[in-house]
């Protein structure tokens, strides 16, 4: 994964991450031991809370458009945000 993210780690860092990941997986194994057979599945916390739901009404709206979206961009060009290059493959 580090190669995909273009990151370099020392051998000690790799060992530390391996220990951390083992700890996380061990915790997940403990959670899997719990009996959840009587727990109803949930889609979201506010699924049945109609009166207290804080979700906005789902309605169609006109799109923002490139010009308005880029109006406050410090750098822009060809209809896109311009950002400085920070990662270069070697």
PDB file of N, CA and C in Angstrom:
ATOM      1  N   UNK A   1       0.821  -1.194   0.000  1.00  0.00           N
ATOM      2  CA  UNK A   1       0.000   0.000   0.000  1.00  0.00           C
ATOM      3  C   UNK A   1       0.862   1.254   0.000  1.00  0.00           C
ATOM      4  N   UNK A   2       1.980   1.193   0.678  1.00  0.00           N
ATOM      5  CA  UNK A   2       2.857   2.365   0.721  1.00  0.00           C
ATOM      6  C   UNK A   2       3.334   2.728  -0.680  1.00  0.00           C
ATOM      7  N   UNK A   3       3.642   1.713  -1.501  1.00  0.00           N
ATOM      8  CA  UNK A   3       4.074   1.993  -2.875  1.00  0.00           C
ATOM      9  C   UNK A   3       2.968   2.668  -3.670  1.00  0.00           C
ATOM     10  N   UNK A   4       1.721   2.210  -3.498  1.00  0.00           N
ATOM     11  CA  UNK A   4       0.604   2.828  -4.206  1.00  0.00           C
ATOM     12  C   UNK A   4       0.431   4.285  -3.804  1.00  0.00           C
ATOM     13  N   UNK A   5       0.689   4.597  -2.537  1.00  0.00           N
ATOM     14  CA  UNK A   5       0.559   5.962  -2.042  1.00  0.00           C
ATOM     15  C   UNK A   5       1.849   6.760  -2.236  1.00  0.00           C
ATOM     16  N   UNK A   6       2.846   6.127  -2.851  1.00  0.00           N
ATOM     17  CA  UNK A   6       4.140   6.768  -3.097  1.00  0.00           C
ATOM     18  C   UNK A   6       4.791   7.226  -1.785  1.00  0.00           C
ATOM     19  N   UNK A   7       4.745   6.338  -0.770  1.00  0.00           N
ATOM     20  CA  UNK A   7       5.331   6.624   0.537  1.00  0.00           C
ATOM     21  C   UNK A   7       6.500   5.676   0.787  1.00  0.00           C
ATOM     22  N   UNK A   8       7.468   6.139   1.518  1.00  0.00           N
ATOM     23  CA  UNK A   8       8.619   5.311   1.885  1.00  0.00           C
ATOM     24  C   UNK A   8       8.703   5.261   3.415  1.00  0.00           C
ATOM     25  N   UNK A   9       8.848   4.036   3.935  1.00  0.00           N
ATOM     26  CA  UNK A   9       8.942   3.847   5.380  1.00  0.00           C
ATOM     27  C   UNK A   9      10.190   3.057   5.702  1.00  0.00           C
ATOM     28  N   UNK A  10      10.743   3.333   6.869  1.00  0.00           N
ATOM     29  CA  UNK A  10      11.889   2.555   7.344  1.00  0.00           C
ATOM     30  C   UNK A  10      11.383   1.187   7.813  1.00  0.00           C
ATOM     31  N   UNK A  11      12.324   0.247   8.004  1.00  0.00           N
ATOM     32  CA  UNK A  11      11.940  -1.088   8.486  1.00  0.00           C
ATOM     33  C   UNK A  11      11.263  -1.002   9.851  1.00  0.00           C
ATOM     34  N   UNK A  12      11.739  -0.099  10.706  1.00  0.00           N
ATOM     35  CA  UNK A  12      11.140   0.067  12.033  1.00  0.00           C
ATOM     36  C   UNK A  12       9.704   0.576  11.928  1.00  0.00           C
ATOM     37  N   UNK A  13       9.466   1.517  11.011  1.00  0.00           N
ATOM     38  CA  UNK A  13       8.108   2.039  10.814  1.00  0.00           C
ATOM     39  C   UNK A  13       7.179   0.940  10.293  1.00  0.00           C
ATOM     40  N   UNK A  14       7.666   0.120   9.376  1.00  0.00           N
ATOM     41  CA  UNK A  14       6.856  -0.980   8.846  1.00  0.00           C
ATOM     42  C   UNK A  14       6.485  -1.942   9.974  1.00  0.00           C
ATOM     43  N   UNK A  15       7.447  -2.255  10.858  1.00  0.00           N
ATOM     44  CA  UNK A  15       7.169  -3.145  11.996  1.00  0.00           C
ATOM     45  C   UNK A  15       6.130  -2.531  12.922  1.00  0.00           C
ATOM     46  N   UNK A  16       6.230  -1.224  13.177  1.00  0.00           N
ATOM     47  CA  UNK A  16       5.270  -0.553  14.051  1.00  0.00           C
ATOM     48  C   UNK A  16       3.874  -0.596  13.438  1.00  0.00           C
ATOM     49  N   UNK A  17       3.764  -0.311  12.127  1.00  0.00           N
ATOM     50  CA  UNK A  17       2.457  -0.355  11.464  1.00  0.00           C
ATOM     51  C   UNK A  17       1.877  -1.761  11.481  1.00  0.00           C
ATOM     52  N   UNK A  18       2.735  -2.776  11.333  1.00  0.00           N
ATOM     53  CA  UNK A  18       2.270  -4.167  11.377  1.00  0.00           C
ATOM     54  C   UNK A  18       1.702  -4.490  12.756  1.00  0.00           C
ATOM     55  N   UNK A  19       2.401  -4.034  13.823  1.00  0.00           N
ATOM     56  CA  UNK A  19       1.887  -4.255  15.194  1.00  0.00           C
ATOM     57  C   UNK A  19       0.553  -3.541  15.389  1.00  0.00           C
ATOM     58  N   UNK A  20       0.475  -2.291  14.907  1.00  0.00           N
ATOM     59  CA  UNK A  20      -0.780  -1.528  15.040  1.00  0.00           C
ATOM     60  C   UNK A  20      -1.916  -2.232  14.314  1.00  0.00           C
ATOM     61  N   UNK A  21      -1.659  -2.702  13.097  1.00  0.00           N
ATOM     62  CA  UNK A  21      -2.693  -3.380  12.323  1.00  0.00           C
ATOM     63  C   UNK A  21      -3.111  -4.680  12.997  1.00  0.00           C
ATOM     64  N   UNK A  22      -2.151  -5.416  13.558  1.00  0.00           N
ATOM     65  CA  UNK A  22      -2.486  -6.634  14.306  1.00  0.00           C
ATOM     66  C   UNK A  22      -3.403  -6.314  15.481  1.00  0.00           C
ATOM     67  N   UNK A  23      -3.137  -5.214  16.173  1.00  0.00           N
ATOM     68  CA  UNK A  23      -3.987  -4.808  17.290  1.00  0.00           C
ATOM     69  C   UNK A  23      -5.402  -4.468  16.833  1.00  0.00           C
ATOM     70  N   UNK A  24      -5.513  -3.782  15.726  1.00  0.00           N
ATOM     71  CA  UNK A  24      -6.838  -3.423  15.185  1.00  0.00           C
ATOM     72  C   UNK A  24      -7.598  -4.689  14.797  1.00  0.00           C
ATOM     73  N   UNK A  25      -6.917  -5.598  14.088  1.00  0.00           N
ATOM     74  CA  UNK A  25      -7.581  -6.841  13.676  1.00  0.00           C
ATOM     75  C   UNK A  25      -7.973  -7.691  14.879  1.00  0.00           C
ATOM     76  N   UNK A  26      -7.138  -7.677  15.928  1.00  0.00           N
ATOM     77  CA  UNK A  26      -7.492  -8.386  17.159  1.00  0.00           C
ATOM     78  C   UNK A  26      -8.740  -7.808  17.803  1.00  0.00           C
ATOM     79  N   UNK A  27      -8.855  -6.492  17.793  1.00  0.00           N
ATOM     80  CA  UNK A  27     -10.053  -5.835  18.342  1.00  0.00           C
ATOM     81  C   UNK A  27     -11.284  -6.213  17.532  1.00  0.00           C
ATOM     82  N   UNK A  28     -11.157  -6.255  16.228  1.00  0.00           N
ATOM     83  CA  UNK A  28     -12.285  -6.647  15.375  1.00  0.00           C
ATOM     84  C   UNK A  28     -12.682  -8.090  15.657  1.00  0.00           C
ATOM     85  N   UNK A  29     -11.710  -8.968  15.878  1.00  0.00           N
ATOM     86  CA  UNK A  29     -12.025 -10.354  16.237  1.00  0.00           C
ATOM     87  C   UNK A  29     -12.828 -10.417  17.519  1.00  0.00           C
ATOM     88  N   UNK A  30     -12.477  -9.582  18.512  1.00  0.00           N
ATOM     89  CA  UNK A  30     -13.236  -9.542  19.770  1.00  0.00           C
ATOM     90  C   UNK A  30     -14.669  -9.076  19.513  1.00  0.00           C
ATOM     91  N   UNK A  31     -14.832  -8.053  18.668  1.00  0.00           N
ATOM     92  CA  UNK A  31     -16.180  -7.570  18.346  1.00  0.00           C
ATOM     93  C   UNK A  31     -16.996  -8.641  17.640  1.00  0.00           C
ATOM     94  N   UNK A  32     -16.355  -9.450  16.824  1.00  0.00           N
ATOM     95  CA  UNK A  32     -17.058 -10.520  16.114  1.00  0.00           C
ATOM     96  C   UNK A  32     -17.551 -11.619  17.047  1.00  0.00           C
ATOM     97  N   UNK A  33     -17.034 -11.672  18.272  1.00  0.00           N
ATOM     98  CA  UNK A  33     -17.481 -12.656  19.256  1.00  0.00           C
ATOM     99  C   UNK A  33     -18.833 -12.280  19.866  1.00  0.00           C
ATOM    100  N   UNK A  34     -19.239 -11.030  19.731  1.00  0.00           N
ATOM    101  CA  UNK A  34     -20.502 -10.579  20.312  1.00  0.00           C
ATOM    102  C   UNK A  34     -21.690 -11.202  19.591  1.00  0.00           C
ATOM    103  N   UNK A  35     -22.719 -11.554  20.362  1.00  0.00           N
ATOM    104  CA  UNK A  35     -23.952 -12.090  19.780  1.00  0.00           C
ATOM    105  C   UNK A  35     -24.843 -10.930  19.357  1.00  0.00           C
ATOM    106  N   UNK A  36     -24.993 -10.749  18.062  1.00  0.00           N
ATOM    107  CA  UNK A  36     -25.831  -9.665  17.534  1.00  0.00           C
ATOM    108  C   UNK A  36     -27.083 -10.210  16.856  1.00  0.00           C
ATOM    109  N   UNK A  37     -27.449 -11.454  17.160  1.00  0.00           N
ATOM    110  CA  UNK A  37     -28.592 -12.075  16.486  1.00  0.00           C
ATOM    111  C   UNK A  37     -29.911 -11.366  16.785  1.00  0.00           C
ATOM    112  N   UNK A  38     -30.027 -10.703  17.926  1.00  0.00           N
ATOM    113  CA  UNK A  38     -31.271 -10.000  18.273  1.00  0.00           C
ATOM    114  C   UNK A  38     -31.205  -8.496  18.002  1.00  0.00           C
ATOM    115  N   UNK A  39     -30.195  -8.049  17.277  1.00  0.00           N
ATOM    116  CA  UNK A  39     -30.037  -6.626  16.977  1.00  0.00           C
ATOM    117  C   UNK A  39     -30.561  -6.369  15.567  1.00  0.00           C
ATOM    118  N   UNK A  40     -31.527  -5.435  15.480  1.00  0.00           N
ATOM    119  CA  UNK A  40     -32.104  -5.100  14.179  1.00  0.00           C
ATOM    120  C   UNK A  40     -31.087  -4.343  13.337  1.00  0.00           C
ATOM    121  N   UNK A  41     -30.976  -4.664  12.043  1.00  0.00           N
ATOM    122  CA  UNK A  41     -30.078  -3.899  11.187  1.00  0.00           C
ATOM    123  C   UNK A  41     -30.548  -2.454  11.046  1.00  0.00           C
ATOM    124  N   UNK A  42     -29.610  -1.528  10.871  1.00  0.00           N
ATOM    125  CA  UNK A  42     -29.947  -0.106  10.732  1.00  0.00           C
ATOM    126  C   UNK A  42     -29.341   0.436   9.445  1.00  0.00           C
ATOM    127  N   UNK A  43     -30.074   1.306   8.775  1.00  0.00           N
ATOM    128  CA  UNK A  43     -29.539   1.985   7.608  1.00  0.00           C
ATOM    129  C   UNK A  43     -28.834   3.258   8.046  1.00  0.00           C
ATOM    130  N   UNK A  44     -29.406   3.967   9.012  1.00  0.00           N
ATOM    131  CA  UNK A  44     -28.807   5.172   9.573  1.00  0.00           C
ATOM    132  C   UNK A  44     -29.465   5.465  10.910  1.00  0.00           C
ATOM    133  N   UNK A  45     -28.855   6.265  11.713  1.00  0.00           N
ATOM    134  CA  UNK A  45     -29.335   6.529  13.062  1.00  0.00           C
ATOM    135  C   UNK A  45     -30.723   7.174  13.048  1.00  0.00           C
ATOM    136  N   UNK A  46     -30.968   8.099  12.132  1.00  0.00           N
ATOM    137  CA  UNK A  46     -32.240   8.822  12.112  1.00  0.00           C
ATOM    138  C   UNK A  46     -33.291   8.164  11.225  1.00  0.00           C
ATOM    139  N   UNK A  47     -33.114   6.898  10.881  1.00  0.00           N
ATOM    140  CA  UNK A  47     -33.989   6.227   9.923  1.00  0.00           C
ATOM    141  C   UNK A  47     -35.468   6.301  10.301  1.00  0.00           C
ATOM    142  N   UNK A  48     -35.816   6.078  11.575  1.00  0.00           N
ATOM    143  CA  UNK A  48     -37.229   6.091  11.961  1.00  0.00           C
ATOM    144  C   UNK A  48     -37.618   7.336  12.743  1.00  0.00           C
ATOM    145  N   UNK A  49     -36.732   8.328  12.845  1.00  0.00           N
ATOM    146  CA  UNK A  49     -36.994   9.519  13.658  1.00  0.00           C
ATOM    147  C   UNK A  49     -37.506  10.663  12.786  1.00  0.00           C
ATOM    148  N   UNK A  50     -38.697  10.504  12.223  1.00  0.00           N
ATOM    149  CA  UNK A  50     -39.226  11.488  11.288  1.00  0.00           C
ATOM    150  C   UNK A  50     -39.292  12.900  11.874  1.00  0.00           C
ATOM    151  N   UNK A  51     -39.807  13.048  13.104  1.00  0.00           N
ATOM    152  CA  UNK A  51     -39.968  14.380  13.690  1.00  0.00           C
ATOM    153  C   UNK A  51     -38.634  15.043  14.031  1.00  0.00           C
ATOM    154  N   UNK A  52     -37.632  14.244  14.359  1.00  0.00           N
ATOM    155  CA  UNK A  52     -36.359  14.828  14.773  1.00  0.00           C
ATOM    156  C   UNK A  52     -35.290  14.726  13.686  1.00  0.00           C
ATOM    157  N   UNK A  53     -35.626  14.175  12.549  1.00  0.00           N
ATOM    158  CA  UNK A  53     -34.642  14.038  11.487  1.00  0.00           C
ATOM    159  C   UNK A  53     -34.172  15.426  11.035  1.00  0.00           C
ATOM    160  N   UNK A  54     -32.863  15.554  10.862  1.00  0.00           N
ATOM    161  CA  UNK A  54     -32.308  16.845  10.462  1.00  0.00           C
ATOM    162  C   UNK A  54     -31.886  16.845   9.000  1.00  0.00           C
ATOM    163  N   UNK A  55     -32.382  15.880   8.241  1.00  0.00           N
ATOM    164  CA  UNK A  55     -32.017  15.807   6.838  1.00  0.00           C
ATOM    165  C   UNK A  55     -32.834  16.817   6.045  1.00  0.00           C
ATOM    166  N   UNK A  56     -32.207  17.483   5.091  1.00  0.00           N
ATOM    167  CA  UNK A  56     -32.933  18.456   4.284  1.00  0.00           C
ATOM    168  C   UNK A  56     -33.789  17.743   3.248  1.00  0.00           C
ATOM    169  N   UNK A  57     -34.758  18.418   2.757  1.00  0.00           N
ATOM    170  CA  UNK A  57     -35.628  17.874   1.729  1.00  0.00           C
ATOM    171  C   UNK A  57     -34.810  17.590   0.470  1.00  0.00           C
ATOM    172  N   UNK A  58     -35.032  16.443  -0.128  1.00  0.00           N
ATOM    173  CA  UNK A  58     -34.314  16.072  -1.340  1.00  0.00           C
ATOM    174  C   UNK A  58     -35.084  16.613  -2.538  1.00  0.00           C
ATOM    175  N   UNK A  59     -34.553  17.672  -3.136  1.00  0.00           N
ATOM    176  CA  UNK A  59     -35.238  18.266  -4.284  1.00  0.00           C
ATOM    177  C   UNK A  59     -34.222  18.666  -5.343  1.00  0.00           C
ATOM    178  N   UNK A  60     -34.690  18.710  -6.567  1.00  0.00           N
ATOM    179  CA  UNK A  60     -33.817  19.059  -7.674  1.00  0.00           C
ATOM    180  C   UNK A  60     -33.469  20.537  -7.631  1.00  0.00           C
ATOM    181  N   UNK A  61     -32.201  20.836  -7.893  1.00  0.00           N
ATOM    182  CA  UNK A  61     -31.733  22.217  -7.914  1.00  0.00           C
ATOM    183  C   UNK A  61     -30.868  22.419  -9.149  1.00  0.00           C
ATOM    184  N   UNK A  62     -30.784  23.633  -9.642  1.00  0.00           N
ATOM    185  CA  UNK A  62     -29.915  23.859 -10.799  1.00  0.00           C
ATOM    186  C   UNK A  62     -28.446  23.680 -10.399  1.00  0.00           C
ATOM    187  N   UNK A  63     -27.625  23.186 -11.317  1.00  0.00           N
ATOM    188  CA  UNK A  63     -26.209  22.995 -10.974  1.00  0.00           C
ATOM    189  C   UNK A  63     -25.501  24.328 -10.752  1.00  0.00           C
ATOM    190  N   UNK A  64     -24.407  24.282 -10.004  1.00  0.00           N
ATOM    191  CA  UNK A  64     -23.644  25.478  -9.668  1.00  0.00           C
ATOM    192  C   UNK A  64     -23.001  26.106 -10.901  1.00  0.00           C
ATOM    193  N   UNK A  65     -22.435  25.297 -11.764  1.00  0.00           N
ATOM    194  CA  UNK A  65     -21.789  25.802 -12.968  1.00  0.00           C
ATOM    195  C   UNK A  65     -20.329  26.141 -12.722  1.00  0.00           C
ATOM    196  N   UNK A  66     -19.491  25.994 -13.770  1.00  0.00           N
ATOM    197  CA  UNK A  66     -18.049  26.224 -13.653  1.00  0.00           C
ATOM    198  C   UNK A  66     -17.702  27.645 -13.239  1.00  0.00           C
ATOM    199  N   UNK A  67     -18.302  28.609 -13.866  1.00  0.00           N
ATOM    200  CA  UNK A  67     -17.935  30.004 -13.601  1.00  0.00           C
ATOM    201  C   UNK A  67     -18.146  30.365 -12.134  1.00  0.00           C
ATOM    202  N   UNK A  68     -19.292  30.015 -11.596  1.00  0.00           N
ATOM    203  CA  UNK A  68     -19.581  30.323 -10.195  1.00  0.00           C
ATOM    204  C   UNK A  68     -18.707  29.493  -9.249  1.00  0.00           C
ATOM    205  N   UNK A  69     -18.490  28.219  -9.582  1.00  0.00           N
ATOM    206  CA  UNK A  69     -17.665  27.351  -8.736  1.00  0.00           C
ATOM    207  C   UNK A  69     -16.227  27.857  -8.658  1.00  0.00           C
ATOM    208  N   UNK A  70     -15.720  28.413  -9.739  1.00  0.00           N
ATOM    209  CA  UNK A  70     -14.335  28.883  -9.781  1.00  0.00           C
ATOM    210  C   UNK A  70     -14.183  30.362  -9.446  1.00  0.00           C
ATOM    211  N   UNK A  71     -15.267  31.032  -9.109  1.00  0.00           N
ATOM    212  CA  UNK A  71     -15.251  32.485  -8.904  1.00  0.00           C
ATOM    213  C   UNK A  71     -14.206  32.926  -7.878  1.00  0.00           C
ATOM    214  N   UNK A  72     -14.011  32.196  -6.792  1.00  0.00           N
ATOM    215  CA  UNK A  72     -13.076  32.601  -5.742  1.00  0.00           C
ATOM    216  C   UNK A  72     -11.784  31.796  -5.752  1.00  0.00           C
ATOM    217  N   UNK A  73     -11.550  31.021  -6.794  1.00  0.00           N
ATOM    218  CA  UNK A  73     -10.337  30.200  -6.857  1.00  0.00           C
ATOM    219  C   UNK A  73      -9.106  31.090  -7.014  1.00  0.00           C
ATOM    220  N   UNK A  74      -8.057  30.850  -6.229  1.00  0.00           N
ATOM    221  CA  UNK A  74      -6.852  31.654  -6.369  1.00  0.00           C
ATOM    222  C   UNK A  74      -6.175  31.435  -7.721  1.00  0.00           C
ATOM    223  N   UNK A  75      -6.217  30.204  -8.228  1.00  0.00           N
ATOM    224  CA  UNK A  75      -5.666  29.885  -9.551  1.00  0.00           C
ATOM    225  C   UNK A  75      -6.685  29.034 -10.298  1.00  0.00           C
ATOM    226  N   UNK A  76      -6.920  29.357 -11.550  1.00  0.00           N
ATOM    227  CA  UNK A  76      -7.841  28.563 -12.357  1.00  0.00           C
ATOM    228  C   UNK A  76      -7.384  28.614 -13.810  1.00  0.00           C
ATOM    229  N   UNK A  77      -7.830  27.644 -14.570  1.00  0.00           N
ATOM    230  CA  UNK A  77      -7.494  27.609 -15.984  1.00  0.00           C
ATOM    231  C   UNK A  77      -8.194  26.476 -16.686  1.00  0.00           C
ATOM    232  N   UNK A  78      -8.674  26.718 -17.883  1.00  0.00           N
ATOM    233  CA  UNK A  78      -9.356  25.710 -18.705  1.00  0.00           C
ATOM    234  C   UNK A  78     -10.551  25.096 -17.977  1.00  0.00           C
ATOM    235  N   UNK A  79     -11.199  25.881 -17.119  1.00  0.00           N
ATOM    236  CA  UNK A  79     -12.385  25.391 -16.416  1.00  0.00           C
ATOM    237  C   UNK A  79     -12.107  24.534 -15.199  1.00  0.00           C
ATOM    238  N   UNK A  80     -10.876  24.549 -14.705  1.00  0.00           N
ATOM    239  CA  UNK A  80     -10.500  23.720 -13.558  1.00  0.00           C
ATOM    240  C   UNK A  80      -9.757  24.552 -12.516  1.00  0.00           C
ATOM    241  N   UNK A  81      -9.727  24.028 -11.255  1.00  0.00           N
ATOM    242  CA  UNK A  81      -8.871  24.604 -10.227  1.00  0.00           C
ATOM    243  C   UNK A  81      -7.439  24.236 -10.575  1.00  0.00           C
ATOM    244  N   UNK A  82      -6.514  25.153 -10.432  1.00  0.00           N
ATOM    245  CA  UNK A  82      -5.098  24.852 -10.607  1.00  0.00           C
ATOM    246  C   UNK A  82      -4.467  24.767  -9.227  1.00  0.00           C
ATOM    247  N   UNK A  83      -3.668  23.735  -9.028  1.00  0.00           N
ATOM    248  CA  UNK A  83      -2.965  23.550  -7.760  1.00  0.00           C
ATOM    249  C   UNK A  83      -1.507  23.256  -8.048  1.00  0.00           C
ATOM    250  N   UNK A  84      -0.618  23.618  -7.133  1.00  0.00           N
ATOM    251  CA  UNK A  84       0.796  23.336  -7.364  1.00  0.00           C
ATOM    252  C   UNK A  84       1.072  21.834  -7.308  1.00  0.00           C
ATOM    253  N   UNK A  85       2.014  21.384  -8.126  1.00  0.00           N
ATOM    254  CA  UNK A  85       2.401  19.975  -8.107  1.00  0.00           C
ATOM    255  C   UNK A  85       3.174  19.715  -6.816  1.00  0.00           C
ATOM    256  N   UNK A  86       2.767  18.685  -6.079  1.00  0.00           N
ATOM    257  CA  UNK A  86       3.449  18.390  -4.819  1.00  0.00           C
ATOM    258  C   UNK A  86       4.033  16.986  -4.795  1.00  0.00           C
ATOM    259  N   UNK A  87       3.603  16.119  -5.703  1.00  0.00           N
ATOM    260  CA  UNK A  87       4.106  14.740  -5.729  1.00  0.00           C
ATOM    261  C   UNK A  87       4.660  14.470  -7.125  1.00  0.00           C
ATOM    262  N   UNK A  88       5.874  13.974  -7.154  1.00  0.00           N
ATOM    263  CA  UNK A  88       6.478  13.579  -8.422  1.00  0.00           C
ATOM    264  C   UNK A  88       7.002  12.161  -8.295  1.00  0.00           C
ATOM    265  N   UNK A  89       6.658  11.319  -9.251  1.00  0.00           N
ATOM    266  CA  UNK A  89       7.186   9.945  -9.258  1.00  0.00           C
ATOM    267  C   UNK A  89       8.618   9.958  -9.735  1.00  0.00           C
ATOM    268  N   UNK A  90       9.426   9.086  -9.142  1.00  0.00           N
ATOM    269  CA  UNK A  90      10.832   9.044  -9.542  1.00  0.00           C
ATOM    270  C   UNK A  90      11.156   7.708 -10.156  1.00  0.00           C
TER     271      UNK A  90
END
